[in-house]
Amino acid sequence: MKVNEAISLARKAAGLTQEQLASRVYVTRQAVSRWETGESEPSIDMRKMLAEVLGVPVIDLLDLPDEPACQCCGTPFSVPNMPFGTNADGSENPDFCAWCYDHGTFTSDGLDEIIERNAPFLMQATGYTQEEAVSFMGALYPSLKHWASTANENRSANAKRSKLYVCPDCSNILWSMGSANMSCCGNALVPLVAVSCPEGFATKTYADGCDVVALNSPMTKEDYVTFVAAIGDDLVRIKRLYPQQEALASFFRQGPCTFYACCSNGTLYRL
C-alpha cells in the first residue's frame, strides 16, 4: 500500500481529522493533506512519529515493495545477482541473502553493524542522505525475521540493549533499557541509531582509573557535542556537554564500555 493511502486509512481508523493529526505531529493541516493526496511524502522520522500517534506499525508507512526480501537486511531478492544464503549443510536458505547468512552463520554482530554496512548501498539505490538511510533501516529492521527473533530471545531488559533519545524542543536526553514508548514536550521520540565516527573525531585514553574521551568539536553554539554516553554490561552513564565547554568526558572505569557521542545536528556516533 502506498504511504499516502496508509496514512489516510490509519488516520480515519484512529478517528482523527486532518487538523487533529496535524496538531499531534506539529505540522499544518495542509501538510497532512498533501501527504494523503500523494503530493508530498513525510520524512522517515516523521513516519515514525505518525506511526506512534496513529497506533500502527511503522513498517505500514514505509511504502515497501510487495515482494520477497532478505529477512536480515531487507534487500528484495529481485535485485540482480542477489544470491540466497546458505544453511550449515550448504543448502539454500530462502529467508536470507548470502551477504547476511553464510553456511548457517549471520555475518554481522548486531543491528548497528549491519545498518552501517548497508547504508551506502541504500543511499545509492534511493538517493537518501546518510541520515535518511540510517533512519529508514532503523525503522525497518526490527520488523524483519532475524532481528525480531533476536529481540524475542532477549526480552528482559539489559544495559547492552540501551536506547538513547533526544527531544527536538528542549534537548532533554532520555534513555531506556530496551524498547519503550518515549515522549517529551508532546513529541513522540524515536531512538537514535549510531554510526561510526569520522576518522580523527574521537580520542580515547585511560588515566587515573578513568576512561577519558576527547572529541574534535568546535563546541560553538551551532556545532557542538551535546553528550557522551558510556554503555557497559550493566550500567549506563551520560555526560552532558555545552557550547564553549571543553569537548571532554571522563568516566571511572567499571568494566568494558562502548562510548557514544551525540552532536547538535542529531547524529549519534559510536566511538
Protein backbone atom coordinates (compact mmCIF):
# COMPACT_ATOMS: atom_id res chain seq x y z
CA MET A 1 0.00 0.00 0.00
CA LYS A 2 1.24 3.47 -0.89
CA VAL A 3 2.20 5.67 2.04
CA ASN A 4 -0.46 8.29 1.21
CA GLU A 5 -3.19 5.62 1.33
CA ALA A 6 -1.75 4.11 4.53
CA ILE A 7 -1.74 7.48 6.32
CA SER A 8 -5.30 8.27 5.26
CA LEU A 9 -6.64 4.86 6.31
CA ALA A 10 -4.79 4.91 9.66
CA ARG A 11 -5.96 8.45 10.42
CA LYS A 12 -9.59 7.58 9.74
CA ALA A 13 -9.31 4.35 11.74
CA ALA A 14 -7.96 6.41 14.66
CA GLY A 15 -10.96 8.74 14.39
CA LEU A 16 -8.85 11.83 13.71
CA THR A 17 -9.42 14.71 11.33
CA GLN A 18 -6.52 16.00 9.26
CA GLU A 19 -6.36 19.03 11.55
CA GLN A 20 -6.23 16.86 14.69
CA LEU A 21 -3.46 14.68 13.26
CA ALA A 22 -1.53 17.76 12.19
CA SER A 23 -1.63 19.20 15.70
CA ARG A 24 -0.31 15.96 17.19
CA VAL A 25 2.71 15.78 14.87
CA TYR A 26 3.34 19.56 14.82
CA VAL A 27 2.67 20.27 11.15
CA THR A 28 -0.04 22.16 9.29
CA ARG A 29 -3.29 20.62 8.11
CA GLN A 30 -2.16 21.38 4.57
CA ALA A 31 0.92 19.21 5.09
CA VAL A 32 -1.26 16.24 6.13
CA SER A 33 -3.50 16.87 3.13
CA ARG A 34 -0.51 16.82 0.76
CA TRP A 35 0.70 13.55 2.30
CA GLU A 36 -2.70 11.94 1.79
CA THR A 37 -3.04 13.09 -1.81
CA GLY A 38 0.49 11.96 -2.62
CA GLU A 39 1.60 15.49 -3.50
CA SER A 40 4.45 15.13 -0.98
CA GLU A 41 5.76 12.48 1.38
CA PRO A 42 6.69 12.72 5.07
CA SER A 43 10.31 12.14 6.05
CA ILE A 44 11.31 8.82 7.55
CA ASP A 45 11.49 10.31 11.05
CA MET A 46 8.05 11.87 10.56
CA ARG A 47 6.68 8.46 9.52
CA LYS A 48 7.96 7.05 12.80
CA MET A 49 6.13 9.79 14.69
CA LEU A 50 2.98 9.24 12.64
CA ALA A 51 3.09 5.53 13.43
CA GLU A 52 3.31 6.30 17.15
CA VAL A 53 0.42 8.77 17.03
CA LEU A 54 -1.80 6.60 14.81
CA GLY A 55 -1.02 3.38 16.66
CA VAL A 56 0.19 1.43 13.62
CA PRO A 57 3.49 -0.38 12.95
CA VAL A 58 5.95 1.99 11.30
CA ILE A 59 6.54 -0.62 8.60
CA ASP A 60 2.99 0.11 7.37
CA LEU A 61 4.13 3.63 6.45
CA LEU A 62 7.40 2.75 4.68
CA ASP A 63 5.86 2.05 1.25
CA LEU A 64 7.77 -1.22 0.86
CA PRO A 65 7.55 -3.32 -2.33
CA ASP A 66 5.28 -6.36 -2.04
CA GLU A 67 7.92 -8.97 -2.85
CA PRO A 68 10.20 -11.40 -1.01
CA ALA A 69 13.18 -9.77 0.70
CA CYS A 70 16.08 -10.82 2.92
CA GLN A 71 14.80 -11.08 6.48
CA CYS A 72 18.05 -9.67 7.83
CA CYS A 73 18.93 -6.68 5.61
CA GLY A 74 15.58 -6.10 3.87
CA THR A 75 17.03 -6.15 0.34
CA PRO A 76 14.49 -7.53 -2.19
CA PHE A 77 15.54 -10.75 -3.88
CA SER A 78 14.59 -9.14 -7.20
CA VAL A 79 17.87 -7.18 -7.07
CA PRO A 80 20.13 -8.54 -9.86
CA ASN A 81 22.60 -11.24 -8.77
CA MET A 82 21.08 -11.41 -5.28
CA PRO A 83 22.03 -14.90 -4.00
CA PHE A 84 20.25 -16.83 -1.28
CA GLY A 85 22.06 -17.52 1.97
CA THR A 86 23.21 -21.00 2.85
CA ASN A 87 22.49 -23.28 5.80
CA ALA A 88 25.22 -25.15 7.67
CA ASP A 89 24.92 -28.08 5.23
CA GLY A 90 25.30 -25.80 2.21
CA SER A 91 21.64 -25.84 1.18
CA GLU A 92 19.91 -22.59 0.25
CA ASN A 93 18.01 -20.63 2.87
CA PRO A 94 15.18 -18.66 1.18
CA ASP A 95 14.77 -16.24 4.11
CA PHE A 96 18.22 -14.63 3.97
CA CYS A 97 20.69 -13.43 1.36
CA ALA A 98 24.24 -14.69 1.06
CA TRP A 99 25.65 -11.39 2.27
CA CYS A 100 23.85 -11.79 5.60
CA TYR A 101 23.79 -15.57 6.12
CA ASP A 102 26.65 -17.86 5.12
CA HIS A 103 26.75 -21.59 5.98
CA GLY A 104 24.47 -21.24 8.97
CA THR A 105 26.12 -18.12 10.41
CA PHE A 106 24.99 -14.49 10.30
CA THR A 107 27.76 -12.23 9.02
CA SER A 108 27.00 -9.21 11.24
CA ASP A 109 27.30 -8.99 15.02
CA GLY A 110 24.44 -6.60 15.62
CA LEU A 111 21.93 -4.07 14.31
CA ASP A 112 24.31 -1.11 14.38
CA GLU A 113 26.90 -3.00 12.34
CA ILE A 114 24.52 -4.07 9.58
CA ILE A 115 22.97 -0.60 9.34
CA GLU A 116 26.42 0.94 8.97
CA ARG A 117 27.36 -1.67 6.36
CA ASN A 118 24.25 -1.27 4.24
CA ALA A 119 23.64 2.49 4.49
CA PRO A 120 25.85 3.35 1.47
CA PHE A 121 24.00 0.84 -0.74
CA LEU A 122 20.59 2.21 0.26
CA MET A 123 21.82 5.75 -0.33
CA GLN A 124 22.96 4.79 -3.83
CA ALA A 125 19.72 2.98 -4.66
CA THR A 126 17.30 5.61 -3.32
CA GLY A 127 19.12 8.93 -3.24
CA TYR A 128 18.63 9.12 0.53
CA THR A 129 21.10 11.05 2.63
CA GLN A 130 23.08 9.03 5.18
CA GLU A 131 20.77 10.26 7.95
CA GLU A 132 17.67 9.22 5.97
CA ALA A 133 19.14 5.81 5.12
CA VAL A 134 20.06 5.11 8.74
CA SER A 135 16.63 6.25 9.92
CA PHE A 136 14.86 4.06 7.32
CA MET A 137 16.81 0.94 8.26
CA GLY A 138 16.37 1.66 11.95
CA ALA A 139 12.60 1.61 11.35
CA LEU A 140 12.54 -1.42 9.04
CA TYR A 141 14.99 -3.88 10.54
CA PRO A 142 13.24 -4.62 13.87
CA SER A 143 10.29 -5.95 11.83
CA LEU A 144 12.43 -8.47 9.92
CA LYS A 145 12.53 -12.13 10.94
CA HIS A 146 16.15 -12.20 12.13
CA TRP A 147 16.01 -9.07 14.29
CA ALA A 148 12.51 -9.81 15.61
CA SER A 149 13.58 -13.29 16.71
CA THR A 150 16.72 -11.85 18.31
CA ALA A 151 14.58 -9.40 20.30
CA ASN A 152 12.24 -12.21 21.34
CA GLU A 153 15.17 -14.19 22.69
CA ASN A 154 16.21 -11.23 24.85
CA ARG A 155 13.02 -9.68 26.15
CA SER A 156 14.42 -8.97 29.60
CA ALA A 157 15.96 -5.53 29.72
CA ASN A 158 19.72 -5.22 29.94
CA ALA A 159 22.09 -2.31 29.55
CA LYS A 160 23.56 -3.55 26.26
CA ARG A 161 20.14 -3.02 24.67
CA SER A 162 20.01 0.60 25.80
CA LYS A 163 18.44 3.21 23.53
CA LEU A 164 19.05 6.96 23.62
CA TYR A 165 16.60 9.70 22.68
CA VAL A 166 16.82 13.50 22.39
CA CYS A 167 13.84 15.85 22.50
CA PRO A 168 13.93 18.26 19.50
CA ASP A 169 12.33 21.05 21.55
CA CYS A 170 14.12 21.12 24.91
CA SER A 171 17.15 18.87 24.11
CA ASN A 172 16.28 16.64 27.05
CA ILE A 173 18.19 13.34 26.94
CA LEU A 174 16.15 10.20 27.60
CA TRP A 175 17.34 6.65 27.97
CA SER A 176 15.60 3.29 28.01
CA MET A 177 16.92 -0.17 28.76
CA GLY A 178 15.38 -1.83 25.70
CA SER A 179 12.36 -0.82 23.64
CA ALA A 180 9.98 1.80 25.06
CA ASN A 181 7.45 4.42 24.02
CA MET A 182 9.18 7.70 24.83
CA SER A 183 7.91 11.26 24.56
CA CYS A 184 8.91 14.75 25.67
CA CYS A 185 7.31 18.18 25.16
CA GLY A 186 4.49 16.40 23.35
CA ASN A 187 6.89 14.80 20.84
CA ALA A 188 6.85 11.05 20.22
CA LEU A 189 10.57 10.22 20.22
CA VAL A 190 12.41 7.60 18.19
CA PRO A 191 15.73 6.13 19.33
CA LEU A 192 18.95 7.45 17.86
CA VAL A 193 20.81 5.00 15.62
CA ALA A 194 24.60 5.14 15.96
CA VAL A 195 27.01 5.38 13.02
CA SER A 196 30.79 5.17 13.01
CA CYS A 197 32.51 8.44 13.79
CA PRO A 198 34.78 10.16 11.24
CA GLU A 199 38.49 9.49 11.48
CA GLY A 200 40.15 11.80 13.99
CA PHE A 201 36.90 12.81 15.65
CA ALA A 202 37.49 11.00 18.94
CA THR A 203 40.47 10.01 21.06
CA LYS A 204 40.13 7.59 23.99
CA THR A 205 42.75 7.31 26.69
CA TYR A 206 43.00 5.77 30.17
CA ALA A 207 44.32 7.75 33.14
CA ASP A 208 43.95 7.55 36.91
CA GLY A 209 41.35 4.80 36.75
CA CYS A 210 39.21 6.67 34.22
CA ASP A 211 38.38 6.32 30.54
CA VAL A 212 38.83 9.77 29.02
CA VAL A 213 37.13 10.67 25.74
CA ALA A 214 38.37 13.76 23.89
CA LEU A 215 36.39 14.96 20.87
CA ASN A 216 37.39 17.11 17.93
CA SER A 217 34.43 19.50 18.00
CA PRO A 218 34.39 23.32 17.66
CA MET A 219 31.87 23.47 20.56
CA THR A 220 30.18 26.58 19.17
CA LYS A 221 26.52 27.34 19.72
CA GLU A 222 25.78 25.99 16.24
CA ASP A 223 28.09 22.96 16.24
CA TYR A 224 28.89 21.09 19.42
CA VAL A 225 28.75 17.71 21.15
CA THR A 226 25.64 17.56 23.31
CA PHE A 227 26.53 14.48 25.34
CA VAL A 228 28.83 11.49 25.63
CA ALA A 229 27.48 8.14 26.85
CA ALA A 230 29.30 5.10 28.22
CA ILE A 231 27.23 1.91 27.95
CA GLY A 232 28.50 -1.22 29.64
CA ASP A 233 27.18 -4.65 30.52
CA ASP A 234 25.08 -3.47 33.45
CA LEU A 235 25.30 0.32 33.63
CA VAL A 236 24.83 3.46 31.55
CA ARG A 237 26.49 6.79 32.23
CA ILE A 238 25.87 10.06 30.38
CA LYS A 239 27.99 13.21 30.46
CA ARG A 240 26.19 16.35 29.25
CA LEU A 241 28.30 18.91 27.36
CA TYR A 242 27.57 22.52 26.42
CA PRO A 243 28.79 25.10 23.87
CA GLN A 244 32.12 26.76 24.68
CA GLN A 245 32.89 23.92 27.10
CA GLU A 246 35.85 21.60 26.61
CA ALA A 247 34.86 18.62 24.44
CA LEU A 248 35.96 16.10 27.03
CA ALA A 249 34.25 13.40 29.10
CA SER A 250 35.73 11.21 31.83
CA PHE A 251 34.20 8.02 33.19
CA PHE A 252 35.51 5.98 36.10
CA ARG A 253 36.24 2.56 34.64
CA GLN A 254 33.70 -0.02 35.81
CA GLY A 255 34.16 -2.72 33.20
CA PRO A 256 34.10 -2.74 29.37
CA CYS A 257 32.05 0.03 27.79
CA THR A 258 31.04 1.23 24.36
CA PHE A 259 31.20 5.01 24.02
CA TYR A 260 28.84 7.23 22.04
CA ALA A 261 28.82 10.96 21.27
CA CYS A 262 25.79 12.91 20.09
CA CYS A 263 26.20 16.11 18.09
CA SER A 264 23.90 19.11 17.96
CA ASN A 265 22.72 18.08 14.47
CA GLY A 266 21.25 14.88 15.97
CA THR A 267 23.92 12.47 14.73
CA LEU A 268 24.93 9.78 17.21
CA TYR A 269 28.47 8.46 16.71
CA ARG A 270 29.76 5.15 18.03
CA LEU A 271 33.33 5.90 19.12
